[in-house]
Each structure stands twice: as structure tokens, then as C-alpha cells.
């Protein structure tokens, strides 16, 4: 399949988008692109983005500040981690054959890892809020007060806090009597989607 023909400016905009996604795991905002190339009008940036979208190189999601993503073969990355689903203090199902992946860059895409998105603010005292993404290390050692994805006897999973004193994952819900049969992994990093300037932090 022939590569789409790009103008010099379109090519530079595309290269900026691709390099930022590869380096930090998420694309630039319209404002960032404008500041990088000295384009004062957001409409000027949007013209280039619409052209790249028509030519099948990027996709954009409405109502999201960092909505620019690479498409097709351009989206393939060795730094992508599978997005297994949404977790909380309450039991939920994980997608064992995920089709979605999140590119978090070279720093976080190491070892046997996957990503889950947190629902609710139960773990706010651990610095984790509703909508945050947790990077789960499958082979990481459980340490006191670390967040773990725990598998229950019925196959569902919950997000819990590891208690070194008891050697178990404690629940925040006193009425929860579900039995944990396996620890699927430990949260080693977090990405906050809702921050104005997305950042990565150690949990």
C-alpha cells in the first residue's frame, strides 16, 4: 500500500506526534503543537490534524485533551502494555485477551506487566484516584501497603492493599468476605489521565 503524500508541515507535525507518543506514551495537545511550530491559531493546527486523519495516519477522540493517537501499522509499538479492564474494591472481571493497549514509553514497558484502570476513590490515600491507570507488575514482590490486583475464588478480581503482617490482601469493605486465591500482580506505577499535564508517578 502506497504511503500517503504529506506536505512538509504535515510531515513535521506527524513526526512530532509520533515521537512524543513513543517517548512519553501519550500524544500532544493542539496547544502543544501550536507552541512547538509557532502556530498561533488552534484552527491552523486543526487543519494539519484533519489532513493527517483523512490520510489515515492518526485518529482523534472527541472531548479529550490528549485525543491524538496513531493508527494502523503506525500504532504498533514495542512499548505498549495490554489494558486488562477496570478494577476497584468491588469484584469485577478482567479481560484475559485484551485488544486494547496503552503505550507508556520505554521506561514503564518492561518485564511482565499489564494495565488496569481504577474505578472510584477508595484508594485516594495511596495517591490513586478514579480514572487513574495502574501499571501492574506480575512478578513484583508484595510489600506492606502496596496495591495488588487479587483474584477471587469465583474468578473475578479486586484491587486491595497488601498487609505484610498477615501476609494477605486486606479489603476496605468490612462486609466483603470473598476469598483471595491468587495475587495477579503489584501496582508499580501510575498514570493520571485526568491531570492537565499527564504525569507518571511511583505508587
C-alpha atoms as a PDB file:
ATOM      1  CA  UNK A   1       0.000   0.000   0.000  1.00  0.00           C
ATOM      2  CA  UNK A   2       1.419   3.363  -1.033  1.00  0.00           C
ATOM      3  CA  UNK A   3       2.343   5.814   1.683  1.00  0.00           C
ATOM      4  CA  UNK A   4       0.165   8.939   1.835  1.00  0.00           C
ATOM      5  CA  UNK A   5       1.708  12.105   0.426  1.00  0.00           C
ATOM      6  CA  UNK A   6       2.316  14.749   3.066  1.00  0.00           C
ATOM      7  CA  UNK A   7       3.292  18.378   2.880  1.00  0.00           C
ATOM      8  CA  UNK A   8       6.461  19.380   4.716  1.00  0.00           C
ATOM      9  CA  UNK A   9       4.460  20.839   7.593  1.00  0.00           C
ATOM     10  CA  UNK A  10       2.161  17.809   7.813  1.00  0.00           C
ATOM     11  CA  UNK A  11       5.205  15.558   7.916  1.00  0.00           C
ATOM     12  CA  UNK A  12       6.756  17.584  10.745  1.00  0.00           C
ATOM     13  CA  UNK A  13       3.517  17.602  12.729  1.00  0.00           C
ATOM     14  CA  UNK A  14       3.176  13.850  12.287  1.00  0.00           C
ATOM     15  CA  UNK A  15       6.781  13.236  13.346  1.00  0.00           C
ATOM     16  CA  UNK A  16       6.208  15.344  16.472  1.00  0.00           C
ATOM     17  CA  UNK A  17       3.100  13.338  17.363  1.00  0.00           C
ATOM     18  CA  UNK A  18       4.827  10.017  16.778  1.00  0.00           C
ATOM     19  CA  UNK A  19       7.962  10.935  18.730  1.00  0.00           C
ATOM     20  CA  UNK A  20       6.001  12.194  21.747  1.00  0.00           C
ATOM     21  CA  UNK A  21       3.824   9.083  21.860  1.00  0.00           C
ATOM     22  CA  UNK A  22       6.895   6.863  21.674  1.00  0.00           C
ATOM     23  CA  UNK A  23       8.833   8.836  24.283  1.00  0.00           C
ATOM     24  CA  UNK A  24       6.190   9.581  26.900  1.00  0.00           C
ATOM     25  CA  UNK A  25       3.262   7.324  25.998  1.00  0.00           C
ATOM     26  CA  UNK A  26       0.649   9.934  25.008  1.00  0.00           C
ATOM     27  CA  UNK A  27       0.205  12.451  22.244  1.00  0.00           C
ATOM     28  CA  UNK A  28       0.403  16.250  22.290  1.00  0.00           C
ATOM     29  CA  UNK A  29      -2.465  18.670  22.721  1.00  0.00           C
ATOM     30  CA  UNK A  30      -3.438  21.127  19.991  1.00  0.00           C
ATOM     31  CA  UNK A  31      -1.866  23.860  22.101  1.00  0.00           C
ATOM     32  CA  UNK A  32       1.447  21.983  22.392  1.00  0.00           C
ATOM     33  CA  UNK A  33       1.616  21.510  18.633  1.00  0.00           C
ATOM     34  CA  UNK A  34       0.852  25.176  18.068  1.00  0.00           C
ATOM     35  CA  UNK A  35       3.548  26.307  20.507  1.00  0.00           C
ATOM     36  CA  UNK A  36       6.108  23.905  19.021  1.00  0.00           C
ATOM     37  CA  UNK A  37       5.639  25.221  15.470  1.00  0.00           C
ATOM     38  CA  UNK A  38       4.709  28.802  16.307  1.00  0.00           C
ATOM     39  CA  UNK A  39       1.139  28.399  15.027  1.00  0.00           C
ATOM     40  CA  UNK A  40      -0.935  30.936  16.955  1.00  0.00           C
ATOM     41  CA  UNK A  41      -4.373  29.831  15.797  1.00  0.00           C
ATOM     42  CA  UNK A  42      -5.807  26.496  17.027  1.00  0.00           C
ATOM     43  CA  UNK A  43      -7.613  26.297  13.688  1.00  0.00           C
ATOM     44  CA  UNK A  44      -4.242  26.284  11.936  1.00  0.00           C
ATOM     45  CA  UNK A  45      -3.203  23.231  13.937  1.00  0.00           C
ATOM     46  CA  UNK A  46      -6.568  21.556  13.363  1.00  0.00           C
ATOM     47  CA  UNK A  47      -6.143  21.864   9.597  1.00  0.00           C
ATOM     48  CA  UNK A  48      -2.975  19.756   9.787  1.00  0.00           C
ATOM     49  CA  UNK A  49      -4.583  17.247  12.148  1.00  0.00           C
ATOM     50  CA  UNK A  50      -7.629  16.836   9.926  1.00  0.00           C
ATOM     51  CA  UNK A  51      -5.349  16.252   6.940  1.00  0.00           C
ATOM     52  CA  UNK A  52      -3.381  13.581   8.817  1.00  0.00           C
ATOM     53  CA  UNK A  53      -6.642  11.979   9.915  1.00  0.00           C
ATOM     54  CA  UNK A  54      -8.000  11.912   6.336  1.00  0.00           C
ATOM     55  CA  UNK A  55      -4.781  10.263   5.200  1.00  0.00           C
ATOM     56  CA  UNK A  56      -5.189   7.537   7.816  1.00  0.00           C
ATOM     57  CA  UNK A  57      -2.146   8.350   9.941  1.00  0.00           C
ATOM     58  CA  UNK A  58      -3.861   9.466  13.140  1.00  0.00           C
ATOM     59  CA  UNK A  59      -7.222   9.289  14.867  1.00  0.00           C
ATOM     60  CA  UNK A  60      -8.762  11.741  17.284  1.00  0.00           C
ATOM     61  CA  UNK A  61     -11.317  11.191  20.059  1.00  0.00           C
ATOM     62  CA  UNK A  62     -13.818  13.901  20.847  1.00  0.00           C
ATOM     63  CA  UNK A  63     -13.887  15.669  24.225  1.00  0.00           C
ATOM     64  CA  UNK A  64     -10.431  14.543  25.320  1.00  0.00           C
ATOM     65  CA  UNK A  65      -7.491  16.900  25.647  1.00  0.00           C
ATOM     66  CA  UNK A  66      -4.928  14.275  24.620  1.00  0.00           C
ATOM     67  CA  UNK A  67      -7.020  12.560  21.991  1.00  0.00           C
ATOM     68  CA  UNK A  68      -4.460  12.111  19.203  1.00  0.00           C
ATOM     69  CA  UNK A  69      -3.453   8.524  18.514  1.00  0.00           C
ATOM     70  CA  UNK A  70      -1.512   6.784  15.768  1.00  0.00           C
ATOM     71  CA  UNK A  71      -3.442   4.370  13.584  1.00  0.00           C
ATOM     72  CA  UNK A  72      -2.873   1.086  11.764  1.00  0.00           C
ATOM     73  CA  UNK A  73       0.725  -0.042  11.421  1.00  0.00           C
ATOM     74  CA  UNK A  74       1.831   3.313  12.753  1.00  0.00           C
ATOM     75  CA  UNK A  75       0.214   2.476  16.091  1.00  0.00           C
ATOM     76  CA  UNK A  76       2.238  -0.670  16.631  1.00  0.00           C
ATOM     77  CA  UNK A  77       4.744  -0.298  19.393  1.00  0.00           C
ATOM     78  CA  UNK A  78       7.073  -2.478  21.411  1.00  0.00           C
ATOM     79  CA  UNK A  79       6.298  -0.290  24.413  1.00  0.00           C
ATOM     80  CA  UNK A  80       2.566  -0.944  24.534  1.00  0.00           C
ATOM     81  CA  UNK A  81       1.053  -2.684  27.575  1.00  0.00           C
ATOM     82  CA  UNK A  82      -2.288  -4.560  27.426  1.00  0.00           C
ATOM     83  CA  UNK A  83      -5.249  -2.800  29.059  1.00  0.00           C
ATOM     84  CA  UNK A  84      -6.973  -5.587  31.005  1.00  0.00           C
ATOM     85  CA  UNK A  85     -10.007  -3.660  32.227  1.00  0.00           C
ATOM     86  CA  UNK A  86     -11.367  -1.688  35.171  1.00  0.00           C
ATOM     87  CA  UNK A  87     -10.719  -2.585  38.817  1.00  0.00           C
ATOM     88  CA  UNK A  88     -11.968  -1.320  42.181  1.00  0.00           C
ATOM     89  CA  UNK A  89     -12.541  -2.520  45.737  1.00  0.00           C
ATOM     90  CA  UNK A  90     -15.552  -4.408  44.384  1.00  0.00           C
ATOM     91  CA  UNK A  91     -15.205  -7.640  42.340  1.00  0.00           C
ATOM     92  CA  UNK A  92     -15.031  -7.252  38.560  1.00  0.00           C
ATOM     93  CA  UNK A  93     -13.903  -9.247  35.537  1.00  0.00           C
ATOM     94  CA  UNK A  94     -10.558  -8.821  33.783  1.00  0.00           C
ATOM     95  CA  UNK A  95     -10.164  -9.215  30.043  1.00  0.00           C
ATOM     96  CA  UNK A  96      -7.712 -12.090  29.656  1.00  0.00           C
ATOM     97  CA  UNK A  97      -7.452 -11.494  25.914  1.00  0.00           C
ATOM     98  CA  UNK A  98      -7.348  -7.694  25.654  1.00  0.00           C
ATOM     99  CA  UNK A  99      -7.419  -5.985  22.281  1.00  0.00           C
ATOM    100  CA  UNK A 100      -6.606  -2.548  23.681  1.00  0.00           C
ATOM    101  CA  UNK A 101      -3.130  -1.435  24.678  1.00  0.00           C
ATOM    102  CA  UNK A 102      -1.609   1.705  26.150  1.00  0.00           C
ATOM    103  CA  UNK A 103       1.792   2.933  25.038  1.00  0.00           C
ATOM    104  CA  UNK A 104       3.564   4.196  28.144  1.00  0.00           C
ATOM    105  CA  UNK A 105       7.039   4.531  26.702  1.00  0.00           C
ATOM    106  CA  UNK A 106      10.234   2.599  27.242  1.00  0.00           C
ATOM    107  CA  UNK A 107      10.539   3.331  30.951  1.00  0.00           C
ATOM    108  CA  UNK A 108       7.369   1.538  32.035  1.00  0.00           C
ATOM    109  CA  UNK A 109       7.025  -1.154  29.352  1.00  0.00           C
ATOM    110  CA  UNK A 110       9.465  -3.592  30.909  1.00  0.00           C
ATOM    111  CA  UNK A 111       9.031  -7.082  32.287  1.00  0.00           C
ATOM    112  CA  UNK A 112       5.711  -8.902  32.592  1.00  0.00           C
ATOM    113  CA  UNK A 113       3.261  -6.055  33.002  1.00  0.00           C
ATOM    114  CA  UNK A 114      -0.305  -5.062  32.183  1.00  0.00           C
ATOM    115  CA  UNK A 115      -2.512  -2.021  32.801  1.00  0.00           C
ATOM    116  CA  UNK A 116      -5.800  -1.626  34.678  1.00  0.00           C
ATOM    117  CA  UNK A 117      -7.954   1.461  35.151  1.00  0.00           C
ATOM    118  CA  UNK A 118      -9.176   2.309  38.644  1.00  0.00           C
ATOM    119  CA  UNK A 119     -12.823   2.993  39.396  1.00  0.00           C
ATOM    120  CA  UNK A 120     -13.679   5.082  42.451  1.00  0.00           C
ATOM    121  CA  UNK A 121     -11.644   6.986  45.020  1.00  0.00           C
ATOM    122  CA  UNK A 122     -11.322   4.286  47.672  1.00  0.00           C
ATOM    123  CA  UNK A 123      -7.536   4.319  47.301  1.00  0.00           C
ATOM    124  CA  UNK A 124      -7.102   8.094  47.355  1.00  0.00           C
ATOM    125  CA  UNK A 125      -4.896   7.802  50.455  1.00  0.00           C
ATOM    126  CA  UNK A 126      -2.497   5.830  48.245  1.00  0.00           C
ATOM    127  CA  UNK A 127      -2.467   8.659  45.699  1.00  0.00           C
ATOM    128  CA  UNK A 128      -4.722   6.768  43.282  1.00  0.00           C
ATOM    129  CA  UNK A 129      -7.933   8.396  42.054  1.00  0.00           C
ATOM    130  CA  UNK A 130     -10.885   7.476  39.884  1.00  0.00           C
ATOM    131  CA  UNK A 131      -9.797   7.068  36.262  1.00  0.00           C
ATOM    132  CA  UNK A 132      -6.105   6.542  37.016  1.00  0.00           C
ATOM    133  CA  UNK A 133      -4.212   3.796  35.202  1.00  0.00           C
ATOM    134  CA  UNK A 134      -2.110   1.395  37.258  1.00  0.00           C
ATOM    135  CA  UNK A 135       0.833  -0.484  35.777  1.00  0.00           C
ATOM    136  CA  UNK A 136       0.760  -3.961  37.285  1.00  0.00           C
ATOM    137  CA  UNK A 137       3.963  -5.991  37.595  1.00  0.00           C
ATOM    138  CA  UNK A 138       3.151  -9.698  37.605  1.00  0.00           C
ATOM    139  CA  UNK A 139       6.443 -10.808  39.151  1.00  0.00           C
ATOM    140  CA  UNK A 140       6.855  -7.946  41.636  1.00  0.00           C
ATOM    141  CA  UNK A 141       7.193  -8.709  45.338  1.00  0.00           C
ATOM    142  CA  UNK A 142       4.323  -7.647  47.580  1.00  0.00           C
ATOM    143  CA  UNK A 143       5.409  -5.066  50.126  1.00  0.00           C
ATOM    144  CA  UNK A 144       3.459  -3.567  53.014  1.00  0.00           C
ATOM    145  CA  UNK A 145       0.655  -1.228  51.860  1.00  0.00           C
ATOM    146  CA  UNK A 146       1.296  -1.873  48.169  1.00  0.00           C
ATOM    147  CA  UNK A 147      -1.757  -2.090  45.901  1.00  0.00           C
ATOM    148  CA  UNK A 148      -2.338  -5.517  44.406  1.00  0.00           C
ATOM    149  CA  UNK A 149      -4.734  -6.984  41.866  1.00  0.00           C
ATOM    150  CA  UNK A 150      -6.149 -10.029  43.631  1.00  0.00           C
ATOM    151  CA  UNK A 151      -8.067 -12.909  42.071  1.00  0.00           C
ATOM    152  CA  UNK A 152     -11.069 -14.244  43.985  1.00  0.00           C
ATOM    153  CA  UNK A 153     -12.383 -17.801  44.194  1.00  0.00           C
ATOM    154  CA  UNK A 154     -15.122 -17.013  41.670  1.00  0.00           C
ATOM    155  CA  UNK A 155     -12.586 -15.796  39.086  1.00  0.00           C
ATOM    156  CA  UNK A 156     -13.270 -12.097  39.467  1.00  0.00           C
ATOM    157  CA  UNK A 157     -10.658  -9.617  40.660  1.00  0.00           C
ATOM    158  CA  UNK A 158     -10.423  -6.772  43.152  1.00  0.00           C
ATOM    159  CA  UNK A 159      -7.919  -4.053  43.953  1.00  0.00           C
ATOM    160  CA  UNK A 160      -6.668  -4.449  47.503  1.00  0.00           C
ATOM    161  CA  UNK A 161      -3.894  -3.348  49.870  1.00  0.00           C
ATOM    162  CA  UNK A 162      -1.204  -5.845  50.846  1.00  0.00           C
ATOM    163  CA  UNK A 163      -0.710  -6.360  54.575  1.00  0.00           C
ATOM    164  CA  UNK A 164       2.745  -7.742  55.339  1.00  0.00           C
ATOM    165  CA  UNK A 165       1.802  -8.521  58.946  1.00  0.00           C
ATOM    166  CA  UNK A 166      -0.845 -11.016  57.875  1.00  0.00           C
ATOM    167  CA  UNK A 167       0.645 -11.913  54.521  1.00  0.00           C
ATOM    168  CA  UNK A 168      -2.651 -11.206  52.811  1.00  0.00           C
ATOM    169  CA  UNK A 169      -4.539  -8.613  50.810  1.00  0.00           C
ATOM    170  CA  UNK A 170      -6.849  -6.673  53.101  1.00  0.00           C
ATOM    171  CA  UNK A 171     -10.142  -5.196  51.945  1.00  0.00           C
ATOM    172  CA  UNK A 172     -11.565  -1.746  52.641  1.00  0.00           C
ATOM    173  CA  UNK A 173     -15.087  -3.204  52.750  1.00  0.00           C
ATOM    174  CA  UNK A 174     -15.883  -4.845  56.102  1.00  0.00           C
ATOM    175  CA  UNK A 175     -18.789  -6.775  54.557  1.00  0.00           C
ATOM    176  CA  UNK A 176     -16.541  -8.332  51.894  1.00  0.00           C
ATOM    177  CA  UNK A 177     -15.834 -11.942  52.785  1.00  0.00           C
ATOM    178  CA  UNK A 178     -14.594 -13.052  49.350  1.00  0.00           C
ATOM    179  CA  UNK A 179     -11.576 -15.333  49.443  1.00  0.00           C
ATOM    180  CA  UNK A 180      -8.421 -14.313  47.569  1.00  0.00           C
ATOM    181  CA  UNK A 181      -6.891 -17.261  45.737  1.00  0.00           C
ATOM    182  CA  UNK A 182      -4.087 -15.544  43.843  1.00  0.00           C
ATOM    183  CA  UNK A 183      -2.213 -12.246  43.558  1.00  0.00           C
ATOM    184  CA  UNK A 184      -2.067 -11.385  39.861  1.00  0.00           C
ATOM    185  CA  UNK A 185       0.364  -8.519  40.293  1.00  0.00           C
ATOM    186  CA  UNK A 186       1.511  -5.458  42.204  1.00  0.00           C
ATOM    187  CA  UNK A 187       0.997  -1.829  41.187  1.00  0.00           C
ATOM    188  CA  UNK A 188       4.428  -0.369  40.434  1.00  0.00           C
ATOM    189  CA  UNK A 189       3.497   2.883  38.676  1.00  0.00           C
ATOM    190  CA  UNK A 190       0.524   5.081  37.915  1.00  0.00           C
ATOM    191  CA  UNK A 191      -0.519   7.321  35.036  1.00  0.00           C
ATOM    192  CA  UNK A 192      -3.110  10.002  35.705  1.00  0.00           C
ATOM    193  CA  UNK A 193      -5.243  10.653  32.638  1.00  0.00           C
ATOM    194  CA  UNK A 194      -7.252  13.499  34.120  1.00  0.00           C
ATOM    195  CA  UNK A 195      -4.377  15.806  35.045  1.00  0.00           C
ATOM    196  CA  UNK A 196      -3.852  18.866  32.862  1.00  0.00           C
ATOM    197  CA  UNK A 197      -0.276  17.796  32.358  1.00  0.00           C
ATOM    198  CA  UNK A 198      -0.294  13.970  32.479  1.00  0.00           C
ATOM    199  CA  UNK A 199       2.486  12.576  34.600  1.00  0.00           C
ATOM    200  CA  UNK A 200       3.874   9.286  35.772  1.00  0.00           C
ATOM    201  CA  UNK A 201       4.409   8.558  39.441  1.00  0.00           C
ATOM    202  CA  UNK A 202       5.513   5.726  41.663  1.00  0.00           C
ATOM    203  CA  UNK A 203       2.719   4.221  43.722  1.00  0.00           C
END
